[in-house]
PDB file of N, CA and C in Angstrom:
ATOM      1  N   MET A   1     103.786  77.056-126.297  1.00  0.00           N
ATOM      2  CA  MET A   1     104.362  77.859-127.346  1.00  0.00           C
ATOM      3  C   MET A   1     105.774  78.267-126.912  1.00  0.00           C
ATOM      4  N   SER A   2     106.689  78.117-127.830  1.00  0.00           N
ATOM      5  CA  SER A   2     108.075  78.408-127.487  1.00  0.00           C
ATOM      6  C   SER A   2     108.337  79.918-127.496  1.00  0.00           C
ATOM      7  N   LYS A   3     109.437  80.267-126.890  1.00  0.00           N
ATOM      8  CA  LYS A   3     109.814  81.672-126.798  1.00  0.00           C
ATOM      9  C   LYS A   3     110.071  82.258-128.190  1.00  0.00           C
ATOM     10  N   LEU A   4     110.668  81.479-129.089  1.00  0.00           N
ATOM     11  CA  LEU A   4     110.944  81.933-130.449  1.00  0.00           C
ATOM     12  C   LEU A   4     109.643  82.224-131.198  1.00  0.00           C
ATOM     13  N   ASN A   5     108.634  81.372-131.034  1.00  0.00           N
ATOM     14  CA  ASN A   5     107.336  81.599-131.687  1.00  0.00           C
ATOM     15  C   ASN A   5     106.680  82.887-131.181  1.00  0.00           C
ATOM     16  N   LYS A   6     106.766  83.136-129.887  1.00  0.00           N
ATOM     17  CA  LYS A   6     106.192  84.357-129.323  1.00  0.00           C
ATOM     18  C   LYS A   6     106.893  85.592-129.880  1.00  0.00           C
ATOM     19  N   ILE A   7     108.195  85.526-130.025  1.00  0.00           N
ATOM     20  CA  ILE A   7     108.954  86.657-130.579  1.00  0.00           C
ATOM     21  C   ILE A   7     108.576  86.875-132.039  1.00  0.00           C
ATOM     22  N   LEU A   8     108.475  85.794-132.816  1.00  0.00           N
ATOM     23  CA  LEU A   8     108.113  85.921-134.229  1.00  0.00           C
ATOM     24  C   LEU A   8     106.699  86.476-134.397  1.00  0.00           C
ATOM     25  N   ILE A   9     105.760  86.009-133.592  1.00  0.00           N
ATOM     26  CA  ILE A   9     104.385  86.515-133.665  1.00  0.00           C
ATOM     27  C   ILE A   9     104.350  87.995-133.289  1.00  0.00           C
ATOM     28  N   SER A  10     105.085  88.383-132.261  1.00  0.00           N
ATOM     29  CA  SER A  10     105.148  89.789-131.856  1.00  0.00           C
ATOM     30  C   SER A  10     105.745  90.646-132.960  1.00  0.00           C
ATOM     31  N   LEU A  11     106.795  90.152-133.607  1.00  0.00           N
ATOM     32  CA  LEU A  11     107.440  90.876-134.695  1.00  0.00           C
ATOM     33  C   LEU A  11     106.489  91.046-135.878  1.00  0.00           C
ATOM     34  N   VAL A  12     105.744  90.007-136.216  1.00  0.00           N
ATOM     35  CA  VAL A  12     104.788  90.087-137.323  1.00  0.00           C
ATOM     36  C   VAL A  12     103.692  91.104-136.994  1.00  0.00           C
ATOM     37  N   ILE A  13     103.206  91.115-135.775  1.00  0.00           N
ATOM     38  CA  ILE A  13     102.169  92.073-135.369  1.00  0.00           C
ATOM     39  C   ILE A  13     102.693  93.499-135.452  1.00  0.00           C
ATOM     40  N   VAL A  14     103.897  93.730-134.966  1.00  0.00           N
ATOM     41  CA  VAL A  14     104.488  95.072-135.028  1.00  0.00           C
ATOM     42  C   VAL A  14     104.665  95.503-136.477  1.00  0.00           C
ATOM     43  N   LEU A  15     105.141  94.618-137.336  1.00  0.00           N
ATOM     44  CA  LEU A  15     105.322  94.954-138.747  1.00  0.00           C
ATOM     45  C   LEU A  15     103.983  95.259-139.429  1.00  0.00           C
ATOM     46  N   LEU A  16     102.936  94.520-139.089  1.00  0.00           N
ATOM     47  CA  LEU A  16     101.614  94.780-139.657  1.00  0.00           C
ATOM     48  C   LEU A  16     101.086  96.146-139.219  1.00  0.00           C
ATOM     49  N   VAL A  17     101.266  96.479-137.961  1.00  0.00           N
ATOM     50  CA  VAL A  17     100.820  97.783-137.466  1.00  0.00           C
ATOM     51  C   VAL A  17     101.570  98.910-138.171  1.00  0.00           C
ATOM     52  N   VAL A  18     102.880  98.759-138.331  1.00  0.00           N
ATOM     53  CA  VAL A  18     103.681  99.776-139.028  1.00  0.00           C
ATOM     54  C   VAL A  18     103.246  99.880-140.484  1.00  0.00           C
ATOM     55  N   LEU A  19     103.028  98.764-141.146  1.00  0.00           N
ATOM     56  CA  LEU A  19     102.600  98.764-142.545  1.00  0.00           C
ATOM     57  C   LEU A  19     101.238  99.428-142.698  1.00  0.00           C
ATOM     58  N   LEU A  20     100.291  99.105-141.832  1.00  0.00           N
ATOM     59  CA  LEU A  20      98.973  99.732-141.893  1.00  0.00           C
ATOM     60  C   LEU A  20      99.068 101.232-141.632  1.00  0.00           C
ATOM     61  N   GLY A  21      99.935 101.625-140.725  1.00  0.00           N
ATOM     62  CA  GLY A  21     100.136 103.045-140.457  1.00  0.00           C
ATOM     63  C   GLY A  21     100.687 103.768-141.660  1.00  0.00           C
ATOM     64  N   LEU A  22     101.661 103.175-142.337  1.00  0.00           N
ATOM     65  CA  LEU A  22     102.246 103.796-143.531  1.00  0.00           C
ATOM     66  C   LEU A  22     101.234 103.894-144.670  1.00  0.00           C
ATOM     67  N   VAL A  23     100.450 102.862-144.868  1.00  0.00           N
ATOM     68  CA  VAL A  23      99.428 102.882-145.920  1.00  0.00           C
ATOM     69  C   VAL A  23      98.377 103.946-145.605  1.00  0.00           C
ATOM     70  N   GLY A  24      97.936 104.009-144.343  1.00  0.00           N
ATOM     71  CA  GLY A  24      96.970 105.027-143.941  1.00  0.00           C
ATOM     72  C   GLY A  24      97.518 106.426-144.112  1.00  0.00           C
ATOM     73  N   TRP A  25      98.780 106.632-143.738  1.00  0.00           N
ATOM     74  CA  TRP A  25      99.415 107.946-143.890  1.00  0.00           C
ATOM     75  C   TRP A  25      99.501 108.333-145.364  1.00  0.00           C
ATOM     76  N   TYR A  26      99.825 107.383-146.236  1.00  0.00           N
ATOM     77  CA  TYR A  26      99.898 107.661-147.668  1.00  0.00           C
ATOM     78  C   TYR A  26      98.537 108.115-148.198  1.00  0.00           C
ATOM     79  N   PHE A  27      97.489 107.373-147.866  1.00  0.00           N
ATOM     80  CA  PHE A  27      96.166 107.730-148.358  1.00  0.00           C
ATOM     81  C   PHE A  27      95.692 109.052-147.776  1.00  0.00           C
ATOM     82  N   TYR A  28      96.050 109.348-146.529  1.00  0.00           N
ATOM     83  CA  TYR A  28      95.689 110.637-145.938  1.00  0.00           C
ATOM     84  C   TYR A  28      96.412 111.778-146.643  1.00  0.00           C
ATOM     85  N   LYS A  29      97.718 111.649-146.881  1.00  0.00           N
ATOM     86  CA  LYS A  29      98.506 112.713-147.502  1.00  0.00           C
ATOM     87  C   LYS A  29      98.095 112.955-148.950  1.00  0.00           C
ATOM     88  N   THR A  30      97.699 111.920-149.656  1.00  0.00           N
ATOM     89  CA  THR A  30      97.314 112.089-151.050  1.00  0.00           C
ATOM     90  C   THR A  30      95.848 112.476-151.194  1.00  0.00           C
ATOM     91  N   GLY A  31      95.088 112.487-150.098  1.00  0.00           N
ATOM     92  CA  GLY A  31      93.689 112.880-150.142  1.00  0.00           C
ATOM     93  C   GLY A  31      92.772 111.812-150.701  1.00  0.00           C
ATOM     94  N   LYS A  32      93.270 110.594-150.860  1.00  0.00           N
ATOM     95  CA  LYS A  32      92.464 109.527-151.451  1.00  0.00           C
ATOM     96  C   LYS A  32      91.419 108.974-150.486  1.00  0.00           C
ATOM     97  N   LEU A  33      91.510 109.317-149.215  1.00  0.00           N
ATOM     98  CA  LEU A  33      90.501 108.892-148.247  1.00  0.00           C
ATOM     99  C   LEU A  33      89.329 109.860-148.188  1.00  0.00           C
ATOM    100  N   GLY A  34      89.457 111.001-148.837  1.00  0.00           N
ATOM    101  CA  GLY A  34      88.433 112.024-148.765  1.00  0.00           C
ATOM    102  C   GLY A  34      88.571 112.886-147.523  1.00  0.00           C
ATOM    103  N   ILE A  35      89.614 112.673-146.748  1.00  0.00           N
ATOM    104  CA  ILE A  35      89.873 113.463-145.547  1.00  0.00           C
ATOM    105  C   ILE A  35      91.013 114.415-145.864  1.00  0.00           C
ATOM    106  N   GLN A  36      90.775 115.692-145.692  1.00  0.00           N
ATOM    107  CA  GLN A  36      91.824 116.673-145.940  1.00  0.00           C
ATOM    108  C   GLN A  36      91.914 117.610-144.755  1.00  0.00           C
ATOM    109  N   ALA A  37      93.080 118.178-144.580  1.00  0.00           N
ATOM    110  CA  ALA A  37      93.281 119.143-143.509  1.00  0.00           C
ATOM    111  C   ALA A  37      92.379 120.352-143.761  1.00  0.00           C
ATOM    112  N   PRO A  38      91.836 120.947-142.702  1.00  0.00           N
ATOM    113  CA  PRO A  38      90.958 122.106-142.885  1.00  0.00           C
ATOM    114  C   PRO A  38      91.747 123.364-143.244  1.00  0.00           C
ATOM    115  N   TYR A  39      91.042 124.337-143.808  1.00  0.00           N
ATOM    116  CA  TYR A  39      91.650 125.617-144.137  1.00  0.00           C
ATOM    117  C   TYR A  39      91.740 126.489-142.886  1.00  0.00           C
ATOM    118  N   TYR A  40      92.858 127.196-142.786  1.00  0.00           N
ATOM    119  CA  TYR A  40      93.097 128.127-141.686  1.00  0.00           C
ATOM    120  C   TYR A  40      93.543 129.459-142.258  1.00  0.00           C
ATOM    121  N   ALA A  41      93.272 130.523-141.494  1.00  0.00           N
ATOM    122  CA  ALA A  41      93.890 131.823-141.732  1.00  0.00           C
ATOM    123  C   ALA A  41      95.015 131.932-140.723  1.00  0.00           C
ATOM    124  N   VAL A  42      96.208 132.274-141.193  1.00  0.00           N
ATOM    125  CA  VAL A  42      97.381 132.376-140.315  1.00  0.00           C
ATOM    126  C   VAL A  42      97.946 133.790-140.465  1.00  0.00           C
ATOM    127  N   TYR A  43      98.024 134.492-139.331  1.00  0.00           N
ATOM    128  CA  TYR A  43      98.542 135.858-139.320  1.00  0.00           C
ATOM    129  C   TYR A  43      99.916 135.852-138.666  1.00  0.00           C
ATOM    130  N   LEU A  44     100.910 136.360-139.400  1.00  0.00           N
ATOM    131  CA  LEU A  44     102.289 136.345-138.923  1.00  0.00           C
ATOM    132  C   LEU A  44     102.674 137.700-138.341  1.00  0.00           C
ATOM    133  N   ASN A  45     103.718 137.713-137.532  1.00  0.00           N
ATOM    134  CA  ASN A  45     104.165 138.963-136.919  1.00  0.00           C
ATOM    135  C   ASN A  45     104.747 139.942-137.948  1.00  0.00           C
ATOM    136  N   SER A  46     104.930 139.510-139.174  1.00  0.00           N
ATOM    137  CA  SER A  46     105.375 140.406-140.251  1.00  0.00           C
ATOM    138  C   SER A  46     104.208 141.210-140.816  1.00  0.00           C
ATOM    139  N   GLY A  47     102.975 140.882-140.400  1.00  0.00           N
ATOM    140  CA  GLY A  47     101.787 141.559-140.911  1.00  0.00           C
ATOM    141  C   GLY A  47     101.156 140.840-142.089  1.00  0.00           C
ATOM    142  N   ASP A  48     101.722 139.718-142.492  1.00  0.00           N
ATOM    143  CA  ASP A  48     101.192 138.953-143.621  1.00  0.00           C
ATOM    144  C   ASP A  48     100.098 138.005-143.149  1.00  0.00           C
ATOM    145  N   LEU A  49      99.070 137.858-143.981  1.00  0.00           N
ATOM    146  CA  LEU A  49      97.950 136.966-143.698  1.00  0.00           C
ATOM    147  C   LEU A  49      97.886 135.930-144.816  1.00  0.00           C
ATOM    148  N   TYR A  50      97.955 134.675-144.453  1.00  0.00           N
ATOM    149  CA  TYR A  50      97.925 133.579-145.418  1.00  0.00           C
ATOM    150  C   TYR A  50      96.762 132.654-145.104  1.00  0.00           C
ATOM    151  N   PHE A  51      96.252 132.017-146.141  1.00  0.00           N
ATOM    152  CA  PHE A  51      95.175 131.044-146.012  1.00  0.00           C
ATOM    153  C   PHE A  51      95.641 129.751-146.635  1.00  0.00           C
ATOM    154  N   GLY A  52      95.316 128.643-146.012  1.00  0.00           N
ATOM    155  CA  GLY A  52      95.684 127.354-146.578  1.00  0.00           C
ATOM    156  C   GLY A  52      95.325 126.222-145.649  1.00  0.00           C
ATOM    157  N   ARG A  53      95.643 125.029-146.088  1.00  0.00           N
ATOM    158  CA  ARG A  53      95.413 123.833-145.273  1.00  0.00           C
ATOM    159  C   ARG A  53      96.563 123.727-144.276  1.00  0.00           C
ATOM    160  N   TYR A  54      96.233 123.837-142.995  1.00  0.00           N
ATOM    161  CA  TYR A  54      97.244 123.870-141.944  1.00  0.00           C
ATOM    162  C   TYR A  54      97.604 122.449-141.507  1.00  0.00           C
ATOM    163  N   HIS A  55      98.899 122.179-141.455  1.00  0.00           N
ATOM    164  CA  HIS A  55      99.424 120.898-140.985  1.00  0.00           C
ATOM    165  C   HIS A  55     100.429 121.195-139.871  1.00  0.00           C
ATOM    166  N   CYS A  56     100.496 120.319-138.893  1.00  0.00           N
ATOM    167  CA  CYS A  56     101.441 120.554-137.794  1.00  0.00           C
ATOM    168  C   CYS A  56     102.452 119.421-137.640  1.00  0.00           C
ATOM    169  N   PHE A  57     102.427 118.432-138.532  1.00  0.00           N
ATOM    170  CA  PHE A  57     103.384 117.332-138.425  1.00  0.00           C
ATOM    171  C   PHE A  57     104.125 117.177-139.736  1.00  0.00           C
ATOM    172  N   PRO A  58     105.393 117.049-139.767  1.00  0.00           N
ATOM    173  CA  PRO A  58     106.352 117.011-138.673  1.00  0.00           C
ATOM    174  C   PRO A  58     106.677 118.392-138.134  1.00  0.00           C
ATOM    175  N   ARG A  59     106.324 119.457-138.892  1.00  0.00           N
ATOM    176  CA  ARG A  59     106.424 120.821-138.383  1.00  0.00           C
ATOM    177  C   ARG A  59     105.329 121.630-139.046  1.00  0.00           C
ATOM    178  N   SER A  60     105.058 122.810-138.543  1.00  0.00           N
ATOM    179  CA  SER A  60     103.943 123.618-139.050  1.00  0.00           C
ATOM    180  C   SER A  60     104.173 124.048-140.492  1.00  0.00           C
ATOM    181  N   TYR A  61     103.140 123.823-141.320  1.00  0.00           N
ATOM    182  CA  TYR A  61     103.200 124.311-142.694  1.00  0.00           C
ATOM    183  C   TYR A  61     101.795 124.455-143.254  1.00  0.00           C
ATOM    184  N   LEU A  62     101.680 125.245-144.298  1.00  0.00           N
ATOM    185  CA  LEU A  62     100.437 125.408-145.040  1.00  0.00           C
ATOM    186  C   LEU A  62     100.614 124.798-146.419  1.00  0.00           C
ATOM    187  N   SER A  63      99.595 124.114-146.870  1.00  0.00           N
ATOM    188  CA  SER A  63      99.559 123.655-148.258  1.00  0.00           C
ATOM    189  C   SER A  63      98.351 124.315-148.923  1.00  0.00           C
ATOM    190  N   ASP A  64      98.306 124.323-150.228  1.00  0.00           N
ATOM    191  CA  ASP A  64      97.262 125.015-150.984  1.00  0.00           C
ATOM    192  C   ASP A  64      97.148 126.454-150.475  1.00  0.00           C
ATOM    193  N   VAL A  65      98.266 127.167-150.513  1.00  0.00           N
ATOM    194  CA  VAL A  65      98.417 128.473-149.873  1.00  0.00           C
ATOM    195  C   VAL A  65      97.859 129.597-150.751  1.00  0.00           C
ATOM    196  N   HIS A  66      97.159 130.533-150.106  1.00  0.00           N
ATOM    197  CA  HIS A  66      96.640 131.736-150.743  1.00  0.00           C
ATOM    198  C   HIS A  66      96.980 132.927-149.858  1.00  0.00           C
ATOM    199  N   PHE A  67      96.958 134.117-150.442  1.00  0.00           N
ATOM    200  CA  PHE A  67      97.220 135.325-149.669  1.00  0.00           C
ATOM    201  C   PHE A  67      96.393 136.474-150.227  1.00  0.00           C
ATOM    202  N   LEU A  68      96.267 137.525-149.431  1.00  0.00           N
ATOM    203  CA  LEU A  68      95.542 138.716-149.870  1.00  0.00           C
ATOM    204  C   LEU A  68      96.470 139.607-150.663  1.00  0.00           C
ATOM    205  N   ARG A  69      95.983 140.087-151.775  1.00  0.00           N
ATOM    206  CA  ARG A  69      96.741 141.025-152.603  1.00  0.00           C
ATOM    207  C   ARG A  69      95.926 142.308-152.691  1.00  0.00           C
ATOM    208  N   GLN A  70      96.580 143.420-152.435  1.00  0.00           N
ATOM    209  CA  GLN A  70      95.910 144.714-152.474  1.00  0.00           C
ATOM    210  C   GLN A  70      95.764 145.185-153.915  1.00  0.00           C
ATOM    211  N   ASN A  71      94.583 145.688-154.229  1.00  0.00           N
ATOM    212  CA  ASN A  71      94.277 146.187-155.571  1.00  0.00           C
ATOM    213  C   ASN A  71      93.702 147.597-155.436  1.00  0.00           C
ATOM    214  N   PRO A  72      94.552 148.633-155.296  1.00  0.00           N
ATOM    215  CA  PRO A  72      94.060 149.979-155.014  1.00  0.00           C
ATOM    216  C   PRO A  72      93.257 150.613-156.155  1.00  0.00           C
ATOM    217  N   GLN A  73      93.412 150.141-157.394  1.00  0.00           N
ATOM    218  CA  GLN A  73      92.669 150.715-158.510  1.00  0.00           C
ATOM    219  C   GLN A  73      91.183 150.347-158.464  1.00  0.00           C
ATOM    220  N   ASP A  74      90.867 149.220-157.863  1.00  0.00           N
ATOM    221  CA  ASP A  74      89.479 148.761-157.798  1.00  0.00           C
ATOM    222  C   ASP A  74      88.889 149.169-156.450  1.00  0.00           C
ATOM    223  N   THR A  75      88.071 150.226-156.443  1.00  0.00           N
ATOM    224  CA  THR A  75      87.500 150.710-155.180  1.00  0.00           C
ATOM    225  C   THR A  75      86.401 149.802-154.666  1.00  0.00           C
ATOM    226  N   GLU A  76      85.774 149.034-155.548  1.00  0.00           N
ATOM    227  CA  GLU A  76      84.701 148.129-155.127  1.00  0.00           C
ATOM    228  C   GLU A  76      85.264 146.891-154.427  1.00  0.00           C
ATOM    229  N   ASN A  77      86.361 146.379-154.941  1.00  0.00           N
ATOM    230  CA  ASN A  77      87.028 145.213-154.360  1.00  0.00           C
ATOM    231  C   ASN A  77      88.508 145.536-154.172  1.00  0.00           C
ATOM    232  N   PRO A  78      88.878 146.189-153.066  1.00  0.00           N
ATOM    233  CA  PRO A  78      90.275 146.607-152.907  1.00  0.00           C
ATOM    234  C   PRO A  78      91.244 145.455-152.638  1.00  0.00           C
ATOM    235  N   TYR A  79      90.736 144.276-152.306  1.00  0.00           N
ATOM    236  CA  TYR A  79      91.602 143.120-152.048  1.00  0.00           C
ATOM    237  C   TYR A  79      91.153 141.935-152.886  1.00  0.00           C
ATOM    238  N   THR A  80      92.120 141.177-153.360  1.00  0.00           N
ATOM    239  CA  THR A  80      91.832 139.930-154.062  1.00  0.00           C
ATOM    240  C   THR A  80      92.631 138.809-153.400  1.00  0.00           C
ATOM    241  N   VAL A  81      92.155 137.601-153.569  1.00  0.00           N
ATOM    242  CA  VAL A  81      92.837 136.423-153.041  1.00  0.00           C
ATOM    243  C   VAL A  81      93.617 135.795-154.182  1.00  0.00           C
ATOM    244  N   SER A  82      94.912 135.580-153.960  1.00  0.00           N
ATOM    245  CA  SER A  82      95.782 135.012-154.996  1.00  0.00           C
ATOM    246  C   SER A  82      96.439 133.742-154.497  1.00  0.00           C
ATOM    247  N   LYS A  83      96.709 132.835-155.421  1.00  0.00           N
ATOM    248  CA  LYS A  83      97.436 131.618-155.070  1.00  0.00           C
ATOM    249  C   LYS A  83      98.905 131.958-154.849  1.00  0.00           C
ATOM    250  N   PHE A  84      99.466 131.360-153.829  1.00  0.00           N
ATOM    251  CA  PHE A  84     100.858 131.612-153.468  1.00  0.00           C
ATOM    252  C   PHE A  84     101.812 131.182-154.578  1.00  0.00           C
ATOM    253  N   ASN A  85     101.545 130.043-155.207  1.00  0.00           N
ATOM    254  CA  ASN A  85     102.474 129.553-156.233  1.00  0.00           C
ATOM    255  C   ASN A  85     102.343 130.304-157.564  1.00  0.00           C
ATOM    256  N   ASP A  86     101.405 131.268-157.656  1.00  0.00           N
ATOM    257  CA  ASP A  86     101.312 132.108-158.849  1.00  0.00           C
ATOM    258  C   ASP A  86     102.173 133.360-158.742  1.00  0.00           C
ATOM    259  N   ALA A  87     102.883 133.510-157.631  1.00  0.00           N
ATOM    260  CA  ALA A  87     103.757 134.675-157.464  1.00  0.00           C
ATOM    261  C   ALA A  87     104.845 134.649-158.538  1.00  0.00           C
ATOM    262  N   PHE A  88     105.347 135.815-158.899  1.00  0.00           N
ATOM    263  CA  PHE A  88     106.296 135.925-160.011  1.00  0.00           C
ATOM    264  C   PHE A  88     107.593 135.155-159.772  1.00  0.00           C
ATOM    265  N   TRP A  89     107.951 134.916-158.526  1.00  0.00           N
ATOM    266  CA  TRP A  89     109.211 134.233-158.246  1.00  0.00           C
ATOM    267  C   TRP A  89     109.060 132.710-158.186  1.00  0.00           C
ATOM    268  N   GLY A  90     107.859 132.180-158.419  1.00  0.00           N
ATOM    269  CA  GLY A  90     107.630 130.758-158.608  1.00  0.00           C
ATOM    270  C   GLY A  90     107.812 129.848-157.413  1.00  0.00           C
ATOM    271  N   PRO A  91     107.196 130.165-156.264  1.00  0.00           N
ATOM    272  CA  PRO A  91     107.334 129.268-155.113  1.00  0.00           C
ATOM    273  C   PRO A  91     106.495 128.007-155.282  1.00  0.00           C
ATOM    274  N   GLU A  92     106.832 126.980-154.519  1.00  0.00           N
ATOM    275  CA  GLU A  92     105.983 125.786-154.461  1.00  0.00           C
ATOM    276  C   GLU A  92     104.719 126.127-153.674  1.00  0.00           C
ATOM    277  N   ASN A  93     103.750 125.261-153.737  1.00  0.00           N
ATOM    278  CA  ASN A  93     102.473 125.510-153.073  1.00  0.00           C
ATOM    279  C   ASN A  93     102.475 124.968-151.649  1.00  0.00           C
ATOM    280  N   LYS A  94     103.584 125.160-150.956  1.00  0.00           N
ATOM    281  CA  LYS A  94     103.735 124.714-149.577  1.00  0.00           C
ATOM    282  C   LYS A  94     104.594 125.744-148.865  1.00  0.00           C
ATOM    283  N   MET A  95     104.145 126.171-147.687  1.00  0.00           N
ATOM    284  CA  MET A  95     104.873 127.190-146.939  1.00  0.00           C
ATOM    285  C   MET A  95     105.117 126.692-145.516  1.00  0.00           C
ATOM    286  N   TYR A  96     106.394 126.520-145.176  1.00  0.00           N
ATOM    287  CA  TYR A  96     106.744 126.136-143.813  1.00  0.00           C
ATOM    288  C   TYR A  96     106.711 127.374-142.927  1.00  0.00           C
ATOM    289  N   LEU A  97     106.200 127.193-141.709  1.00  0.00           N
ATOM    290  CA  LEU A  97     106.004 128.317-140.797  1.00  0.00           C
ATOM    291  C   LEU A  97     106.895 128.183-139.575  1.00  0.00           C
ATOM    292  N   ASN A  98     107.370 129.310-139.100  1.00  0.00           N
ATOM    293  CA  ASN A  98     108.075 129.361-137.829  1.00  0.00           C
ATOM    294  C   ASN A  98     107.021 129.612-136.754  1.00  0.00           C
ATOM    295  N   ASP A  99     106.856 128.687-135.836  1.00  0.00           N
ATOM    296  CA  ASP A  99     105.812 128.805-134.823  1.00  0.00           C
ATOM    297  C   ASP A  99     105.950 130.081-133.996  1.00  0.00           C
ATOM    298  N   ASP A 100     107.177 130.581-133.830  1.00  0.00           N
ATOM    299  CA  ASP A 100     107.390 131.806-133.052  1.00  0.00           C
ATOM    300  C   ASP A 100     106.864 133.046-133.774  1.00  0.00           C
ATOM    301  N   SER A 101     106.698 132.987-135.091  1.00  0.00           N
ATOM    302  CA  SER A 101     106.244 134.158-135.834  1.00  0.00           C
ATOM    303  C   SER A 101     104.737 134.149-136.084  1.00  0.00           C
ATOM    304  N   ILE A 102     104.031 133.131-135.628  1.00  0.00           N
ATOM    305  CA  ILE A 102     102.577 133.072-135.785  1.00  0.00           C
ATOM    306  C   ILE A 102     101.935 133.835-134.636  1.00  0.00           C
ATOM    307  N   LEU A 103     101.215 134.916-134.965  1.00  0.00           N
ATOM    308  CA  LEU A 103     100.501 135.663-133.931  1.00  0.00           C
ATOM    309  C   LEU A 103      99.176 134.996-133.603  1.00  0.00           C
ATOM    310  N   TRP A 104      98.475 134.557-134.644  1.00  0.00           N
ATOM    311  CA  TRP A 104      97.251 133.798-134.430  1.00  0.00           C
ATOM    312  C   TRP A 104      96.936 132.983-135.678  1.00  0.00           C
ATOM    313  N   LYS A 105      96.139 131.964-135.449  1.00  0.00           N
ATOM    314  CA  LYS A 105      95.616 131.151-136.553  1.00  0.00           C
ATOM    315  C   LYS A 105      94.188 130.784-136.192  1.00  0.00           C
ATOM    316  N   VAL A 106      93.342 130.737-137.184  1.00  0.00           N
ATOM    317  CA  VAL A 106      91.934 130.447-136.954  1.00  0.00           C
ATOM    318  C   VAL A 106      91.412 129.560-138.086  1.00  0.00           C
ATOM    319  N   LYS A 107      90.624 128.580-137.696  1.00  0.00           N
ATOM    320  CA  LYS A 107      90.023 127.669-138.667  1.00  0.00           C
ATOM    321  C   LYS A 107      88.920 128.410-139.420  1.00  0.00           C
ATOM    322  N   ILE A 108      88.881 128.230-140.724  1.00  0.00           N
ATOM    323  CA  ILE A 108      87.892 128.900-141.566  1.00  0.00           C
ATOM    324  C   ILE A 108      86.680 127.987-141.723  1.00  0.00           C
ATOM    325  N   ARG A 109      85.497 128.562-141.521  1.00  0.00           N
ATOM    326  CA  ARG A 109      84.256 127.789-141.655  1.00  0.00           C
ATOM    327  C   ARG A 109      84.086 127.279-143.084  1.00  0.00           C
ATOM    328  N   LYS A 110      83.414 126.152-143.233  1.00  0.00           N
ATOM    329  CA  LYS A 110      83.211 125.569-144.560  1.00  0.00           C
ATOM    330  C   LYS A 110      82.290 126.411-145.432  1.00  0.00           C
ATOM    331  N   ASP A 111      81.438 127.238-144.821  1.00  0.00           N
ATOM    332  CA  ASP A 111      80.522 128.076-145.591  1.00  0.00           C
ATOM    333  C   ASP A 111      81.075 129.484-145.814  1.00  0.00           C
ATOM    334  N   SER A 112      82.365 129.686-145.584  1.00  0.00           N
ATOM    335  CA  SER A 112      82.999 130.991-145.717  1.00  0.00           C
ATOM    336  C   SER A 112      83.033 131.444-147.177  1.00  0.00           C
ATOM    337  N   GLN A 113      82.873 132.742-147.381  1.00  0.00           N
ATOM    338  CA  GLN A 113      82.977 133.309-148.732  1.00  0.00           C
ATOM    339  C   GLN A 113      84.394 133.159-149.272  1.00  0.00           C
ATOM    340  N   LEU A 114      85.376 133.175-148.372  1.00  0.00           N
ATOM    341  CA  LEU A 114      86.766 132.996-148.792  1.00  0.00           C
ATOM    342  C   LEU A 114      86.966 131.623-149.437  1.00  0.00           C
ATOM    343  N   LEU A 115      86.440 130.586-148.814  1.00  0.00           N
ATOM    344  CA  LEU A 115      86.581 129.241-149.398  1.00  0.00           C
ATOM    345  C   LEU A 115      85.849 129.129-150.732  1.00  0.00           C
ATOM    346  N   GLN A 116      84.755 129.833-150.877  1.00  0.00           N
ATOM    347  CA  GLN A 116      84.064 129.832-152.166  1.00  0.00           C
ATOM    348  C   GLN A 116      84.908 130.521-153.224  1.00  0.00           C
ATOM    349  N   ALA A 117      85.673 131.555-152.831  1.00  0.00           N
ATOM    350  CA  ALA A 117      86.537 132.255-153.787  1.00  0.00           C
ATOM    351  C   ALA A 117      87.743 131.415-154.160  1.00  0.00           C
ATOM    352  N   ILE A 118      88.206 130.614-153.220  1.00  0.00           N
ATOM    353  CA  ILE A 118      89.364 129.765-153.490  1.00  0.00           C
ATOM    354  C   ILE A 118      88.950 128.629-154.393  1.00  0.00           C
TER     355      ILE A 118
END
C-alpha cells in the first residue's frame, strides 16, 4: 500500500469520526436520543436558588430554568416554583453561570416533588 493511500484512508477515518461525533452531539442536544441532562439545584453567592438541567460544556449553564418565588399572602404555600422565561423582562430559557459564584449544586432525584411540580 502506498503512502498516499495510507494518508487518504487515515483522512477518511478521521472525517467519519468527526461526522459521527457531530451527529451524536446534535441528537444529544435536541433530546432526540432520549438522553437529557439531569436537573440540578444551583445556589449562588447572591442568595438565589435556581433549578434546571445543568450543562458544563462549553461553559456552565442551566437550561429549562426555574426559580423559587416568594408568595407571602399564601400561608399554606409560601413559595412557588416559576419558570425563568416567564419573568416580566422576558429572558430566554437558558442561564449562563459564573463558576466562581456557585456556592453549591446538587443533583435532584427523579422522584423529587420539585420535578413533579415542574
